[in-house]
Protein backbone atom coordinates (compact mmCIF):
# COMPACT_ATOMS: atom_id res chain seq x y z
CA UNK A 1 103.65 -18.98 204.72
CA UNK A 2 101.64 -22.16 204.05
CA UNK A 3 102.46 -24.03 201.16
CA UNK A 4 99.69 -26.07 199.26
CA UNK A 5 99.83 -29.61 198.17
CA UNK A 6 101.92 -28.84 194.86
CA UNK A 7 104.17 -26.18 196.63
CA UNK A 8 105.02 -29.10 199.03
CA UNK A 9 105.71 -31.65 196.65
CA UNK A 10 108.12 -29.26 194.40
CA UNK A 11 110.25 -28.01 197.35
CA UNK A 12 110.44 -31.81 198.57
CA UNK A 13 111.75 -32.64 195.12
CA UNK A 14 114.24 -29.82 194.99
CA UNK A 15 115.55 -30.69 198.54
CA UNK A 16 115.87 -34.47 197.71
CA UNK A 17 117.68 -33.30 194.19
CA UNK A 18 118.03 -29.90 193.20
CA UNK A 19 119.05 -30.89 189.77
CA UNK A 20 115.70 -32.64 189.24
CA UNK A 21 114.40 -31.53 185.81
CA UNK A 22 111.18 -29.47 185.46
CA UNK A 23 109.56 -32.43 183.38
CA UNK A 24 110.36 -34.93 186.17
CA UNK A 25 108.62 -32.72 188.81
CA UNK A 26 105.82 -32.03 186.26
CA UNK A 27 105.17 -35.85 186.06
CA UNK A 28 105.52 -36.28 189.82
CA UNK A 29 102.98 -33.25 190.45
CA UNK A 30 100.49 -33.57 187.18
CA UNK A 31 101.35 -30.06 186.91
CA UNK A 32 102.58 -28.35 183.41
CA UNK A 33 106.39 -27.61 183.02
CA UNK A 34 105.52 -24.10 182.75
CA UNK A 35 103.58 -24.02 186.19
CA UNK A 36 106.41 -26.15 187.78
CA UNK A 37 108.77 -23.36 186.74
CA UNK A 38 106.32 -20.46 187.76
CA UNK A 39 106.12 -22.13 191.31
CA UNK A 40 109.67 -22.77 191.82
CA UNK A 41 110.43 -18.95 190.72
CA UNK A 42 107.90 -17.89 193.31
CA UNK A 43 109.30 -20.03 196.21
CA UNK A 44 112.49 -18.17 195.20
CA UNK A 45 111.06 -14.80 195.40
CA UNK A 46 109.20 -15.47 198.66
CA UNK A 47 112.56 -16.34 199.92
CA UNK A 48 111.67 -19.80 200.97
CA UNK A 49 114.06 -21.20 198.76
CA UNK A 50 117.16 -19.09 199.03
CA UNK A 51 119.15 -21.01 196.25
CA UNK A 52 121.09 -24.31 195.49
CA UNK A 53 123.88 -25.72 197.73
CA UNK A 54 125.15 -29.40 198.19
CA UNK A 55 125.60 -31.52 201.33
CA UNK A 56 129.13 -32.96 201.69
CA UNK A 57 130.58 -35.44 203.81
CA UNK A 58 133.14 -33.40 205.75
CA UNK A 59 135.28 -36.75 206.43
CA UNK A 60 135.84 -37.33 202.69
CA UNK A 61 137.01 -33.73 201.92
CA UNK A 62 139.45 -33.49 204.61
CA UNK A 63 137.51 -32.40 207.92
CA UNK A 64 138.21 -35.44 210.32
CA UNK A 65 136.47 -33.73 213.41
CA UNK A 66 133.25 -32.13 214.12
CA UNK A 67 133.38 -30.65 217.11
CA UNK A 68 130.65 -28.96 219.50
CA UNK A 69 131.47 -26.15 221.81
CA UNK A 70 129.29 -24.51 224.18
CA UNK A 71 130.08 -21.11 226.11
CA UNK A 72 128.59 -19.16 229.06
CA UNK A 73 128.40 -15.72 228.52
CA UNK A 74 126.03 -12.83 228.93
CA UNK A 75 124.52 -9.93 226.94
CA UNK A 76 127.24 -7.58 227.59
CA UNK A 77 129.76 -9.82 225.94
CA UNK A 78 128.80 -9.13 222.16
CA UNK A 79 132.17 -9.52 221.12
CA UNK A 80 132.30 -13.42 221.81
CA UNK A 81 129.46 -14.01 219.60
CA UNK A 82 131.00 -11.63 216.90
CA UNK A 83 134.43 -13.72 217.18
CA UNK A 84 132.84 -16.75 216.43
CA UNK A 85 130.74 -15.49 213.59
CA UNK A 86 134.18 -14.54 212.11
CA UNK A 87 135.67 -17.83 212.62
CA UNK A 88 135.89 -19.76 209.39
CA UNK A 89 135.98 -23.34 211.21
CA UNK A 90 132.60 -22.50 212.83
CA UNK A 91 129.77 -23.09 210.83
CA UNK A 92 126.82 -23.02 213.03
CA UNK A 93 126.06 -20.67 216.11
CA UNK A 94 122.96 -20.36 218.08
CA UNK A 95 122.17 -18.58 221.12
CA UNK A 96 120.66 -20.96 223.78
CA UNK A 97 118.87 -20.91 226.91
CA UNK A 98 120.23 -22.93 229.86
CA UNK A 99 123.45 -23.32 231.60
CA UNK A 100 125.34 -21.98 228.43
CA UNK A 101 124.62 -19.25 226.31
CA UNK A 102 126.25 -20.09 222.91
CA UNK A 103 126.32 -23.41 220.98
CA UNK A 104 128.74 -23.75 218.02
CA UNK A 105 129.71 -26.46 215.68
CA UNK A 106 133.34 -26.47 214.22
CA UNK A 107 135.01 -28.48 211.82
CA UNK A 108 138.71 -29.39 211.97
CA UNK A 109 140.92 -30.69 209.54
CA UNK A 110 143.58 -32.39 212.13
CA UNK A 111 144.78 -32.03 215.68
CA UNK A 112 147.02 -29.32 214.58
CA UNK A 113 143.82 -27.10 213.24
CA UNK A 114 141.83 -28.28 216.49
CA UNK A 115 144.57 -27.00 218.81
CA UNK A 116 145.21 -23.60 217.17
CA UNK A 117 141.45 -22.77 217.24
CA UNK A 118 141.30 -24.19 220.67
CA UNK A 119 143.93 -21.79 221.62
CA UNK A 120 141.76 -19.09 220.31
CA UNK A 121 138.99 -20.05 222.33
CA UNK A 122 141.06 -20.40 225.46
CA UNK A 123 142.36 -16.44 224.90
CA UNK A 124 138.82 -15.43 224.44
CA UNK A 125 137.29 -17.26 227.55
CA UNK A 126 140.11 -15.97 229.45
CA UNK A 127 138.91 -12.41 228.61
CA UNK A 128 134.99 -13.19 229.36
CA UNK A 129 133.42 -12.84 232.59
CA UNK A 130 132.22 -16.66 233.27
CA UNK A 131 135.54 -18.13 231.86
CA UNK A 132 133.23 -21.04 231.18
CA UNK A 133 132.87 -23.50 228.11
CA UNK A 134 132.64 -27.25 227.33
CA UNK A 135 133.59 -29.20 224.29
CA UNK A 136 131.65 -32.26 223.02
CA UNK A 137 133.46 -34.44 220.16
CA UNK A 138 130.83 -36.19 217.29
CA UNK A 139 132.06 -39.39 217.02
CA UNK A 140 129.59 -39.89 214.16
CA UNK A 141 127.33 -38.10 211.78
CA UNK A 142 124.26 -39.97 211.06
CA UNK A 143 122.23 -36.90 209.49
CA UNK A 144 123.04 -33.25 208.66
CA UNK A 145 121.24 -30.69 206.76
CA UNK A 146 118.10 -33.17 206.42
CA UNK A 147 120.37 -35.58 204.48
CA UNK A 148 121.00 -39.29 206.20
CA UNK A 149 124.87 -40.13 205.89
CA UNK A 150 125.75 -43.61 204.34
CA UNK A 151 128.43 -45.37 205.91
CA UNK A 152 131.07 -43.10 206.93
CA UNK A 153 134.57 -43.83 205.35
CA UNK A 154 137.42 -42.10 207.57
CA UNK A 155 139.90 -42.05 204.55
CA UNK A 156 139.62 -38.97 202.49
CA UNK A 157 139.64 -38.58 198.93
CA UNK A 158 142.69 -37.08 196.84
CA UNK A 159 141.59 -33.67 196.15
CA UNK A 160 143.37 -30.84 194.53
CA UNK A 161 142.98 -27.04 194.32
CA UNK A 162 140.57 -27.36 191.56
CA UNK A 163 138.28 -29.88 193.09
CA UNK A 164 138.01 -27.85 196.32
CA UNK A 165 137.24 -24.63 194.38
CA UNK A 166 134.46 -26.62 192.50
CA UNK A 167 133.22 -27.74 196.06
CA UNK A 168 133.31 -23.89 197.61
CA UNK A 169 131.47 -22.71 194.37
CA UNK A 170 128.86 -25.32 194.72
CA UNK A 171 128.39 -25.05 198.40
CA UNK A 172 127.66 -20.96 198.10
CA UNK A 173 125.74 -21.39 194.96
CA UNK A 174 123.48 -18.66 196.83
CA UNK A 175 126.27 -16.07 196.29
CA UNK A 176 126.98 -16.88 192.86
CA UNK A 177 123.58 -17.39 190.99
CA UNK A 178 120.28 -15.36 190.90
CA UNK A 179 117.83 -17.95 190.57
CA UNK A 180 116.84 -21.05 192.46
CA UNK A 181 118.15 -23.92 190.30
CA UNK A 182 121.68 -25.15 190.33
CA UNK A 183 124.53 -24.05 188.49
CA UNK A 184 125.68 -26.00 185.26
CA UNK A 185 128.76 -27.31 184.47
CA UNK A 186 129.08 -24.60 181.99
CA UNK A 187 128.47 -22.08 184.72
CA UNK A 188 131.31 -23.73 186.86
CA UNK A 189 133.60 -23.82 183.97
CA UNK A 190 132.93 -19.97 183.59
CA UNK A 191 133.03 -19.12 187.42
CA UNK A 192 136.49 -21.13 187.82
CA UNK A 193 137.87 -19.16 184.66
CA UNK A 194 136.83 -16.05 186.24
CA UNK A 195 138.58 -17.17 189.66
CA UNK A 196 141.77 -17.70 187.67
CA UNK A 197 141.59 -21.35 186.74
CA UNK A 198 141.30 -22.71 183.11
CA UNK A 199 139.32 -25.64 182.75
CA UNK A 200 136.93 -27.01 180.11
CA UNK A 201 133.44 -27.94 180.75
CA UNK A 202 133.82 -31.80 180.25
CA UNK A 203 136.89 -31.57 182.77
CA UNK A 204 134.38 -30.11 185.27
CA UNK A 205 131.71 -32.72 184.43
CA UNK A 206 134.06 -35.54 185.04
CA UNK A 207 135.49 -33.91 188.20
CA UNK A 208 131.98 -33.26 189.54
CA UNK A 209 130.77 -36.97 188.64
CA UNK A 210 133.95 -38.18 190.67
CA UNK A 211 132.93 -36.28 193.46
CA UNK A 212 129.46 -37.50 193.43
CA UNK A 213 130.24 -41.24 192.95
CA UNK A 214 132.82 -41.35 195.78
CA UNK A 215 130.27 -39.78 198.27
CA UNK A 216 132.19 -36.28 198.71
CA UNK A 217 128.87 -34.76 197.64
CA UNK A 218 126.03 -36.51 199.43
CA UNK A 219 123.44 -34.58 197.80
CA UNK A 220 122.50 -31.59 195.45
CA UNK A 221 119.93 -29.60 197.37
CA UNK A 222 118.23 -26.23 197.99
CA UNK A 223 118.83 -23.75 200.86
CA UNK A 224 115.58 -23.21 202.66
CA UNK A 225 114.43 -20.52 205.13
CA UNK A 226 112.53 -22.71 207.44
CA UNK A 227 111.18 -19.72 209.39
CA UNK A 228 108.88 -18.67 206.00
CA UNK A 229 107.34 -22.09 206.34
CA UNK A 230 106.37 -21.69 209.98
CA UNK A 231 109.15 -23.81 211.64
CA UNK A 232 110.39 -20.96 213.78
CA UNK A 233 111.01 -23.19 216.83
CA UNK A 234 114.61 -24.91 217.15
CA UNK A 235 115.60 -27.43 219.56
CA UNK A 236 118.75 -29.15 220.53
CA UNK A 237 117.98 -32.47 222.05
CA UNK A 238 120.18 -35.00 224.01
CA UNK A 239 119.15 -38.41 224.11
CA UNK A 240 120.07 -41.29 226.16
CA UNK A 241 119.64 -44.69 224.49
CA UNK A 242 120.58 -48.26 225.73
CA UNK A 243 124.27 -48.57 225.04
CA UNK A 244 124.20 -51.55 222.76
CA UNK A 245 121.59 -50.10 220.33
CA UNK A 246 123.05 -46.54 219.86
CA UNK A 247 123.26 -47.11 215.98
CA UNK A 248 120.26 -48.74 215.45
CA UNK A 249 118.10 -46.11 217.31
CA UNK A 250 119.88 -43.44 215.49
CA UNK A 251 119.86 -45.04 211.80
CA UNK A 252 116.45 -46.69 211.94
CA UNK A 253 114.38 -44.48 214.18
CA UNK A 254 115.77 -40.73 214.70
CA UNK A 255 117.33 -40.08 211.33
CA UNK A 256 114.00 -41.03 209.96
CA UNK A 257 112.09 -38.51 211.79
CA UNK A 258 111.39 -35.40 209.52
CA UNK A 259 111.56 -32.87 212.54
CA UNK A 260 115.56 -33.78 212.98
CA UNK A 261 117.56 -32.12 210.66
CA UNK A 262 121.07 -32.92 212.23
CA UNK A 263 121.88 -36.11 214.16
CA UNK A 264 125.32 -37.00 215.68
CA UNK A 265 126.91 -39.76 218.27
CA UNK A 266 128.91 -38.11 220.99
CA UNK A 267 130.86 -39.37 223.79
CA UNK A 268 128.57 -38.17 226.28
CA UNK A 269 126.32 -39.89 228.81
CA UNK A 270 123.50 -38.62 226.57
CA UNK A 271 125.08 -39.96 223.67
CA UNK A 272 122.81 -38.79 220.64
CA UNK A 273 122.49 -35.32 219.94
CA UNK A 274 119.76 -33.92 217.52
CA UNK A 275 118.92 -30.53 215.98
CA UNK A 276 115.33 -30.24 215.16
CA UNK A 277 112.82 -27.64 214.12
CA UNK A 278 108.93 -27.55 214.80
CA UNK A 279 106.12 -25.06 214.60
CA UNK A 280 105.89 -24.47 218.29
CA UNK A 281 106.19 -26.25 221.98
CA UNK A 282 102.91 -28.15 221.31
CA UNK A 283 104.24 -29.42 218.10
CA UNK A 284 107.78 -30.64 220.22
CA UNK A 285 105.68 -32.10 222.79
CA UNK A 286 104.13 -34.42 220.37
CA UNK A 287 107.36 -34.97 219.14
CA UNK A 288 108.56 -36.02 222.45
CA UNK A 289 105.79 -38.42 222.91
CA UNK A 290 106.42 -40.01 219.43
CA UNK A 291 109.85 -40.27 220.55
CA UNK A 292 109.33 -42.35 223.69
CA UNK A 293 107.34 -44.87 221.73
CA UNK A 294 110.82 -46.60 221.49
CA UNK A 295 111.58 -48.62 224.42
CA UNK A 296 115.28 -48.04 223.69
CA UNK A 297 115.09 -44.33 224.90
CA UNK A 298 115.85 -43.90 228.28
CA UNK A 299 115.87 -39.96 228.87
CA UNK A 300 116.31 -36.58 227.05
CA UNK A 301 117.85 -33.27 227.79
CA UNK A 302 116.45 -30.50 225.72
CA UNK A 303 118.01 -27.11 225.07
CA UNK A 304 115.72 -24.26 223.22
CA UNK A 305 117.66 -22.08 220.62
CA UNK A 306 116.62 -18.46 221.30
CA UNK A 307 118.61 -17.04 218.23
CA UNK A 308 120.23 -18.49 215.02
CA UNK A 309 123.35 -16.16 214.30
CA UNK A 310 125.23 -18.38 211.96
CA UNK A 311 124.28 -21.30 209.88
CA UNK A 312 126.52 -21.36 206.72
CA UNK A 313 127.97 -23.97 204.37
CA UNK A 314 131.03 -25.80 205.41
CA UNK A 315 134.07 -23.27 205.23
CA UNK A 316 136.82 -25.07 203.01
CA UNK A 317 139.08 -22.36 204.62
CA UNK A 318 141.21 -23.47 207.52
CA UNK A 319 141.72 -20.60 210.44
């Protein structure tokens, strides 16, 4: 569906901060509070907005490694994709065109966690036809879920079970709320009580404020079905850059491009990995032309995503 000017402004405001009040959005758009509320509810009914969620810094909540796996398989092996869909540490899985057939993103708390899942993947590939996969480590996260990361801290926060439960609920608000607006601290307190944790609303507020201020929660946002907005073509693009300007190009150039939703530094020859969405191939060609406006971009390698099989909030459960 095509959003008009007001729909686009409202969606942008909620993506930047889903806690933005109706009054604030009303002031920005010139619409009445009632008109803003009606349009938000319409976006929710039309499944453009699926619900509220948060973007977290995985490093600060105990997930020290983000790793990409690429698997070579064939349509006669659907069990492999289903195995990955069931794997908690895999939060993104795409079917892709090219040398490999599946592209997956994993989160690991430590080397033991990584080795445990790696053994699981080794066993799975041993039973596959091609027996071929590769592992790509993300050295740094520049952008994820359309949120530009602040300077990364390697030292995690001291979080207890209640903190993790709050984060889990906020990540999965789509499952807990039947409305597009974010859960309140009162709602959180009631849900925690339902799950067996007695905690007052003021205590929830204090914990949430700490998670926000310390950068564990990078942004309160909304989960969007981009295909409903016509952004149905997804690419994974590796970018080769002059080695001495990787951070500059990533932070000041690529991360600013609205088409790019996720951006990582890897240890590969093509040292930047970007995930982006466009309407069609023609729009992607225009994106590439703009990309090469930078003299520091040496080369690109593009992979077309054929099918999005899994795209979930980071799971706080460890396999």
